[in-house]
Amino acid sequence: MYLKTRNVAIMAVAWLALSVPGYAQVQKPGDPATGCLDNQELADGQFDGTYMLYAEDNPIDGTINIRERPTTNSDIVHAAQSRNPITVSEQVFQEDGYCWLRANVTILISENPVQLGVVSGWVRGDLIALAWD
């Protein structure tokens, strides 16, 4: 229970901090071309909100599809806003030439009072950035 509460608290702070424009400098982790993380990056991002979703073409208002399986042919489980914090638990390299990351995405459920939730699914690795620099 403690770990779950701790993770929710960390993700709440991360979500609020990342909602401030210009907060995080955009830096792609791992291999920017494929989105693959090295083993240390993957281990570092599992619990601490190291990463955020990042839509390069529209970093403020863009959305990124979170999918049921690691392929663009899979159903979309959620369209998350760019700059949402995520945690990453695993990655797989697919035939499309990208690493897909299994991610938990923090989402805003309500603003008053602030309530956050988590959506789980797969996101292409090139659509994330480092949140803490």
N, C-alpha and C. Protein backbone atom coordinates (compact mmCIF):
# COMPACT_ATOMS: atom_id res chain seq x y z
N MET A 1 0.82 -1.19 0.00
CA MET A 1 0.00 0.00 0.00
C MET A 1 0.87 1.26 0.00
N TYR A 2 1.96 1.24 0.80
CA TYR A 2 2.84 2.40 0.85
C TYR A 2 3.39 2.74 -0.52
N LEU A 3 3.88 1.71 -1.26
CA LEU A 3 4.47 1.96 -2.58
C LEU A 3 3.45 2.56 -3.54
N LYS A 4 2.22 2.05 -3.51
CA LYS A 4 1.18 2.58 -4.39
C LYS A 4 0.88 4.04 -4.04
N THR A 5 0.75 4.35 -2.75
CA THR A 5 0.49 5.72 -2.31
C THR A 5 1.64 6.63 -2.68
N ARG A 6 2.88 6.15 -2.49
CA ARG A 6 4.06 6.92 -2.84
C ARG A 6 4.09 7.22 -4.33
N ASN A 7 3.81 6.23 -5.16
CA ASN A 7 3.81 6.43 -6.61
C ASN A 7 2.75 7.43 -7.03
N VAL A 8 1.55 7.36 -6.44
CA VAL A 8 0.49 8.31 -6.77
C VAL A 8 0.92 9.72 -6.38
N ALA A 9 1.54 9.87 -5.22
CA ALA A 9 1.99 11.19 -4.77
C ALA A 9 3.07 11.74 -5.70
N ILE A 10 4.02 10.90 -6.09
CA ILE A 10 5.08 11.34 -7.01
C ILE A 10 4.48 11.75 -8.34
N MET A 11 3.56 10.95 -8.85
CA MET A 11 2.95 11.26 -10.15
C MET A 11 2.11 12.53 -10.07
N ALA A 12 1.46 12.79 -8.92
CA ALA A 12 0.67 14.01 -8.76
C ALA A 12 1.57 15.24 -8.82
N VAL A 13 2.68 15.19 -8.11
CA VAL A 13 3.64 16.30 -8.14
C VAL A 13 4.20 16.48 -9.55
N ALA A 14 4.53 15.37 -10.20
CA ALA A 14 5.07 15.44 -11.57
C ALA A 14 4.05 16.04 -12.52
N TRP A 15 2.80 15.63 -12.41
CA TRP A 15 1.78 16.16 -13.31
C TRP A 15 1.62 17.66 -13.11
N LEU A 16 1.56 18.09 -11.87
CA LEU A 16 1.41 19.51 -11.60
C LEU A 16 2.62 20.30 -12.07
N ALA A 17 3.83 19.78 -11.84
CA ALA A 17 5.04 20.48 -12.26
C ALA A 17 5.13 20.57 -13.78
N LEU A 18 4.75 19.50 -14.47
CA LEU A 18 4.85 19.50 -15.92
C LEU A 18 3.75 20.31 -16.60
N SER A 19 2.73 20.70 -15.86
CA SER A 19 1.68 21.51 -16.44
C SER A 19 2.14 22.97 -16.60
N VAL A 20 3.27 23.33 -16.00
CA VAL A 20 3.84 24.67 -16.14
C VAL A 20 4.64 24.70 -17.44
N PRO A 21 4.24 25.57 -18.40
CA PRO A 21 4.96 25.61 -19.67
C PRO A 21 6.44 25.87 -19.49
N GLY A 22 7.25 25.13 -20.24
CA GLY A 22 8.68 25.32 -20.22
C GLY A 22 9.38 24.69 -19.04
N TYR A 23 8.66 23.93 -18.22
CA TYR A 23 9.28 23.37 -17.02
C TYR A 23 10.42 22.42 -17.36
N ALA A 24 10.16 21.47 -18.21
CA ALA A 24 11.17 20.46 -18.52
C ALA A 24 11.83 20.78 -19.85
N GLN A 25 13.13 20.65 -19.89
CA GLN A 25 13.82 20.75 -21.16
C GLN A 25 13.60 19.44 -21.88
N VAL A 26 13.32 19.53 -23.17
CA VAL A 26 13.04 18.31 -23.91
C VAL A 26 14.35 17.64 -24.30
N GLN A 27 14.51 16.45 -23.84
CA GLN A 27 15.67 15.64 -24.19
C GLN A 27 15.18 14.21 -24.38
N LYS A 28 15.49 13.64 -25.52
CA LYS A 28 15.07 12.28 -25.80
C LYS A 28 16.00 11.30 -25.10
N PRO A 29 15.44 10.33 -24.38
CA PRO A 29 16.27 9.30 -23.75
C PRO A 29 16.68 8.25 -24.78
N GLY A 30 17.69 7.49 -24.46
CA GLY A 30 18.05 6.33 -25.30
C GLY A 30 18.34 6.70 -26.74
N ASP A 31 17.85 5.88 -27.64
CA ASP A 31 18.05 6.07 -29.07
C ASP A 31 16.88 6.87 -29.64
N PRO A 32 17.09 8.15 -29.99
CA PRO A 32 15.99 8.98 -30.47
C PRO A 32 15.30 8.44 -31.72
N ALA A 33 16.03 7.71 -32.56
CA ALA A 33 15.44 7.20 -33.80
C ALA A 33 14.45 6.07 -33.56
N THR A 34 14.75 5.17 -32.63
CA THR A 34 13.88 4.02 -32.39
C THR A 34 13.10 4.11 -31.09
N GLY A 35 13.54 4.99 -30.19
CA GLY A 35 12.88 5.12 -28.90
C GLY A 35 13.28 4.06 -27.90
N CYS A 36 14.32 3.29 -28.21
CA CYS A 36 14.75 2.24 -27.29
C CYS A 36 15.53 2.83 -26.12
N LEU A 37 15.30 2.29 -24.93
CA LEU A 37 16.01 2.69 -23.73
C LEU A 37 17.09 1.67 -23.44
N ASP A 38 18.21 2.11 -22.84
CA ASP A 38 19.17 1.11 -22.39
C ASP A 38 18.67 0.56 -21.05
N ASN A 39 19.28 -0.50 -20.57
CA ASN A 39 18.80 -1.18 -19.37
C ASN A 39 18.77 -0.27 -18.15
N GLN A 40 19.77 0.61 -17.99
CA GLN A 40 19.79 1.51 -16.85
C GLN A 40 18.66 2.52 -16.94
N GLU A 41 18.43 3.07 -18.14
CA GLU A 41 17.33 4.02 -18.31
C GLU A 41 15.99 3.36 -17.99
N LEU A 42 15.82 2.13 -18.45
CA LEU A 42 14.58 1.41 -18.18
C LEU A 42 14.41 1.20 -16.68
N ALA A 43 15.45 0.80 -15.99
CA ALA A 43 15.38 0.60 -14.55
C ALA A 43 15.10 1.92 -13.83
N ASP A 44 15.72 3.00 -14.26
CA ASP A 44 15.54 4.31 -13.61
C ASP A 44 14.12 4.83 -13.76
N GLY A 45 13.47 4.53 -14.86
CA GLY A 45 12.15 5.09 -15.14
C GLY A 45 10.98 4.27 -14.64
N GLN A 46 11.23 3.19 -13.93
CA GLN A 46 10.13 2.32 -13.53
C GLN A 46 9.23 2.92 -12.46
N PHE A 47 9.78 3.69 -11.54
CA PHE A 47 8.98 4.12 -10.41
C PHE A 47 8.99 5.62 -10.13
N ASP A 48 9.86 6.38 -10.77
CA ASP A 48 10.03 7.75 -10.30
C ASP A 48 9.52 8.85 -11.22
N GLY A 49 8.78 8.53 -12.26
CA GLY A 49 8.26 9.58 -13.12
C GLY A 49 9.33 10.27 -13.93
N THR A 50 10.36 9.53 -14.32
CA THR A 50 11.47 10.09 -15.08
C THR A 50 11.04 10.61 -16.45
N TYR A 51 10.01 10.01 -17.01
CA TYR A 51 9.63 10.31 -18.39
C TYR A 51 8.29 11.03 -18.50
N MET A 52 8.13 11.70 -19.63
CA MET A 52 6.84 12.30 -19.97
C MET A 52 6.57 12.02 -21.44
N LEU A 53 5.31 12.03 -21.80
CA LEU A 53 4.94 11.92 -23.20
C LEU A 53 5.29 13.24 -23.87
N TYR A 54 5.66 13.19 -25.14
CA TYR A 54 6.06 14.43 -25.82
C TYR A 54 5.72 14.35 -27.30
N ALA A 55 4.77 15.18 -27.71
CA ALA A 55 4.39 15.28 -29.12
C ALA A 55 5.20 16.42 -29.74
N GLU A 56 6.21 16.07 -30.54
CA GLU A 56 7.10 17.10 -31.11
C GLU A 56 6.36 18.11 -31.96
N ASP A 57 5.39 17.65 -32.72
CA ASP A 57 4.68 18.56 -33.62
C ASP A 57 3.76 19.53 -32.87
N ASN A 58 3.37 19.20 -31.64
CA ASN A 58 2.51 20.07 -30.85
C ASN A 58 2.75 19.77 -29.37
N PRO A 59 3.89 20.23 -28.81
CA PRO A 59 4.28 19.83 -27.46
C PRO A 59 3.37 20.31 -26.34
N ILE A 60 2.60 21.37 -26.55
CA ILE A 60 1.74 21.89 -25.50
C ILE A 60 0.37 21.22 -25.52
N ASP A 61 -0.28 21.17 -26.66
CA ASP A 61 -1.65 20.67 -26.75
C ASP A 61 -1.79 19.35 -27.49
N GLY A 62 -0.69 18.77 -27.94
CA GLY A 62 -0.76 17.54 -28.72
C GLY A 62 -1.21 16.35 -27.89
N THR A 63 -1.67 15.32 -28.57
CA THR A 63 -2.05 14.09 -27.89
C THR A 63 -1.26 12.92 -28.46
N ILE A 64 -1.09 11.91 -27.62
CA ILE A 64 -0.35 10.71 -27.99
C ILE A 64 -1.23 9.52 -27.65
N ASN A 65 -1.37 8.61 -28.59
CA ASN A 65 -2.22 7.44 -28.38
C ASN A 65 -1.54 6.40 -27.50
N ILE A 66 -2.25 5.97 -26.49
CA ILE A 66 -1.82 4.86 -25.64
C ILE A 66 -2.60 3.65 -26.14
N ARG A 67 -1.89 2.60 -26.50
CA ARG A 67 -2.52 1.47 -27.18
C ARG A 67 -2.57 0.22 -26.30
N GLU A 68 -3.51 -0.66 -26.65
CA GLU A 68 -3.69 -1.91 -25.92
C GLU A 68 -2.51 -2.85 -26.09
N ARG A 69 -1.93 -2.89 -27.29
CA ARG A 69 -0.77 -3.74 -27.58
C ARG A 69 0.28 -2.89 -28.30
N PRO A 70 1.52 -3.36 -28.39
CA PRO A 70 2.61 -2.56 -28.98
C PRO A 70 2.62 -2.54 -30.51
N THR A 71 1.58 -1.97 -31.08
CA THR A 71 1.48 -1.81 -32.54
C THR A 71 0.45 -0.73 -32.85
N THR A 72 0.63 -0.02 -33.95
CA THR A 72 -0.34 1.00 -34.34
C THR A 72 -1.65 0.38 -34.81
N ASN A 73 -1.68 -0.92 -35.06
CA ASN A 73 -2.92 -1.60 -35.44
C ASN A 73 -3.78 -1.95 -34.23
N SER A 74 -3.27 -1.71 -33.04
CA SER A 74 -3.97 -2.05 -31.80
C SER A 74 -4.96 -0.95 -31.43
N ASP A 75 -5.96 -1.33 -30.63
CA ASP A 75 -6.95 -0.36 -30.16
C ASP A 75 -6.29 0.70 -29.28
N ILE A 76 -6.81 1.92 -29.37
CA ILE A 76 -6.36 3.03 -28.53
C ILE A 76 -7.14 2.94 -27.22
N VAL A 77 -6.43 2.89 -26.10
CA VAL A 77 -7.09 2.85 -24.79
C VAL A 77 -7.25 4.25 -24.20
N HIS A 78 -6.41 5.18 -24.67
CA HIS A 78 -6.50 6.56 -24.18
C HIS A 78 -5.66 7.46 -25.09
N ALA A 79 -6.15 8.67 -25.34
CA ALA A 79 -5.37 9.69 -26.04
C ALA A 79 -4.86 10.65 -24.97
N ALA A 80 -3.59 10.52 -24.61
CA ALA A 80 -3.01 11.30 -23.52
C ALA A 80 -2.42 12.60 -24.04
N GLN A 81 -2.47 13.61 -23.21
CA GLN A 81 -1.93 14.91 -23.57
C GLN A 81 -0.41 14.89 -23.48
N SER A 82 0.22 15.58 -24.42
CA SER A 82 1.67 15.75 -24.38
C SER A 82 2.05 16.34 -23.03
N ARG A 83 3.17 15.93 -22.49
CA ARG A 83 3.74 16.34 -21.21
C ARG A 83 3.13 15.61 -20.02
N ASN A 84 2.27 14.62 -20.27
CA ASN A 84 1.80 13.79 -19.15
C ASN A 84 2.97 12.95 -18.66
N PRO A 85 3.18 12.85 -17.34
CA PRO A 85 4.22 11.98 -16.82
C PRO A 85 3.84 10.51 -16.96
N ILE A 86 4.85 9.67 -17.16
CA ILE A 86 4.62 8.23 -17.27
C ILE A 86 5.70 7.48 -16.50
N THR A 87 5.39 6.25 -16.17
CA THR A 87 6.42 5.32 -15.71
C THR A 87 6.47 4.19 -16.71
N VAL A 88 7.65 3.63 -16.90
CA VAL A 88 7.88 2.61 -17.91
C VAL A 88 8.32 1.32 -17.21
N SER A 89 7.70 0.19 -17.60
CA SER A 89 8.04 -1.07 -16.95
C SER A 89 8.74 -2.07 -17.87
N GLU A 90 8.57 -1.94 -19.18
CA GLU A 90 9.26 -2.84 -20.10
C GLU A 90 9.24 -2.24 -21.49
N GLN A 91 10.02 -2.84 -22.39
CA GLN A 91 10.03 -2.41 -23.78
C GLN A 91 10.18 -3.61 -24.68
N VAL A 92 9.65 -3.47 -25.90
CA VAL A 92 9.81 -4.50 -26.91
C VAL A 92 10.12 -3.81 -28.23
N PHE A 93 11.04 -4.40 -29.00
CA PHE A 93 11.36 -3.86 -30.32
C PHE A 93 10.46 -4.56 -31.33
N GLN A 94 9.76 -3.77 -32.14
CA GLN A 94 8.80 -4.33 -33.08
C GLN A 94 9.29 -4.22 -34.52
N GLU A 95 8.61 -4.92 -35.41
CA GLU A 95 8.97 -4.93 -36.83
C GLU A 95 8.85 -3.55 -37.47
N ASP A 96 8.09 -2.64 -36.86
CA ASP A 96 7.95 -1.28 -37.41
C ASP A 96 9.20 -0.43 -37.20
N GLY A 97 10.22 -0.99 -36.50
CA GLY A 97 11.48 -0.28 -36.29
C GLY A 97 11.52 0.58 -35.04
N TYR A 98 10.52 0.46 -34.19
CA TYR A 98 10.46 1.23 -32.95
C TYR A 98 10.41 0.32 -31.74
N CYS A 99 10.93 0.83 -30.63
CA CYS A 99 10.69 0.19 -29.35
C CYS A 99 9.37 0.72 -28.82
N TRP A 100 8.58 -0.18 -28.32
CA TRP A 100 7.31 0.18 -27.69
C TRP A 100 7.49 -0.04 -26.19
N LEU A 101 7.00 0.93 -25.42
CA LEU A 101 7.18 0.91 -23.97
C LEU A 101 5.83 0.66 -23.29
N ARG A 102 5.84 -0.31 -22.35
CA ARG A 102 4.65 -0.50 -21.52
C ARG A 102 4.69 0.59 -20.47
N ALA A 103 3.66 1.42 -20.45
CA ALA A 103 3.68 2.60 -19.61
C ALA A 103 2.41 2.75 -18.79
N ASN A 104 2.58 3.34 -17.65
CA ASN A 104 1.46 3.83 -16.85
C ASN A 104 1.45 5.34 -17.02
N VAL A 105 0.34 5.85 -17.51
CA VAL A 105 0.21 7.27 -17.82
C VAL A 105 -0.69 7.92 -16.78
N THR A 106 -0.19 8.96 -16.16
CA THR A 106 -0.99 9.72 -15.20
C THR A 106 -1.93 10.64 -15.95
N ILE A 107 -3.21 10.60 -15.59
CA ILE A 107 -4.19 11.46 -16.25
C ILE A 107 -4.96 12.26 -15.20
N LEU A 108 -5.43 13.41 -15.62
CA LEU A 108 -6.25 14.24 -14.75
C LEU A 108 -7.70 13.79 -14.90
N ILE A 109 -8.31 13.38 -13.79
CA ILE A 109 -9.70 12.95 -13.81
C ILE A 109 -10.62 14.15 -13.54
N SER A 110 -10.25 14.97 -12.57
CA SER A 110 -11.03 16.18 -12.29
C SER A 110 -10.09 17.25 -11.74
N GLU A 111 -10.49 18.51 -11.97
CA GLU A 111 -9.66 19.63 -11.53
C GLU A 111 -10.05 20.15 -10.15
N ASN A 112 -11.31 20.01 -9.79
CA ASN A 112 -11.76 20.55 -8.51
C ASN A 112 -12.69 19.57 -7.83
N PRO A 113 -12.20 18.80 -6.89
CA PRO A 113 -10.82 18.74 -6.41
C PRO A 113 -9.94 17.99 -7.41
N VAL A 114 -8.64 18.23 -7.33
CA VAL A 114 -7.71 17.55 -8.24
C VAL A 114 -7.72 16.06 -7.94
N GLN A 115 -8.05 15.29 -8.96
CA GLN A 115 -8.01 13.83 -8.86
C GLN A 115 -7.26 13.30 -10.07
N LEU A 116 -6.29 12.45 -9.79
CA LEU A 116 -5.49 11.85 -10.85
C LEU A 116 -5.80 10.37 -10.94
N GLY A 117 -5.62 9.82 -12.12
CA GLY A 117 -5.78 8.39 -12.34
C GLY A 117 -4.61 7.87 -13.17
N VAL A 118 -4.61 6.59 -13.42
CA VAL A 118 -3.54 5.97 -14.20
C VAL A 118 -4.16 5.10 -15.29
N VAL A 119 -3.66 5.26 -16.52
CA VAL A 119 -4.04 4.43 -17.64
C VAL A 119 -2.81 3.62 -18.04
N SER A 120 -2.98 2.32 -18.24
CA SER A 120 -1.86 1.46 -18.64
C SER A 120 -2.02 1.07 -20.10
N GLY A 121 -0.89 1.02 -20.80
CA GLY A 121 -0.90 0.61 -22.20
C GLY A 121 0.49 0.73 -22.79
N TRP A 122 0.54 0.77 -24.11
CA TRP A 122 1.81 0.82 -24.84
C TRP A 122 1.93 2.13 -25.60
N VAL A 123 3.13 2.70 -25.60
CA VAL A 123 3.41 3.92 -26.33
C VAL A 123 4.74 3.74 -27.07
N ARG A 124 4.82 4.32 -28.26
CA ARG A 124 6.08 4.24 -29.02
C ARG A 124 7.16 5.02 -28.29
N GLY A 125 8.34 4.44 -28.18
CA GLY A 125 9.43 5.03 -27.39
C GLY A 125 9.92 6.37 -27.88
N ASP A 126 9.77 6.67 -29.17
CA ASP A 126 10.23 7.97 -29.66
C ASP A 126 9.27 9.10 -29.28
N LEU A 127 8.15 8.77 -28.62
CA LEU A 127 7.19 9.78 -28.22
C LEU A 127 7.28 10.10 -26.73
N ILE A 128 8.44 9.82 -26.13
CA ILE A 128 8.66 10.20 -24.74
C ILE A 128 9.91 11.09 -24.66
N ALA A 129 9.99 11.82 -23.57
CA ALA A 129 11.15 12.67 -23.30
C ALA A 129 11.48 12.54 -21.82
N LEU A 130 12.68 12.96 -21.47
CA LEU A 130 13.07 12.98 -20.07
C LEU A 130 12.35 14.14 -19.38
N ALA A 131 11.79 13.88 -18.23
CA ALA A 131 11.06 14.93 -17.51
C ALA A 131 11.95 15.66 -16.51
N TRP A 132 13.00 15.03 -16.04
CA TRP A 132 13.85 15.64 -15.01
C TRP A 132 15.25 15.82 -15.55
N ASP A 133 15.65 17.05 -15.70
CA ASP A 133 17.03 17.36 -16.12
C ASP A 133 17.63 18.36 -15.18
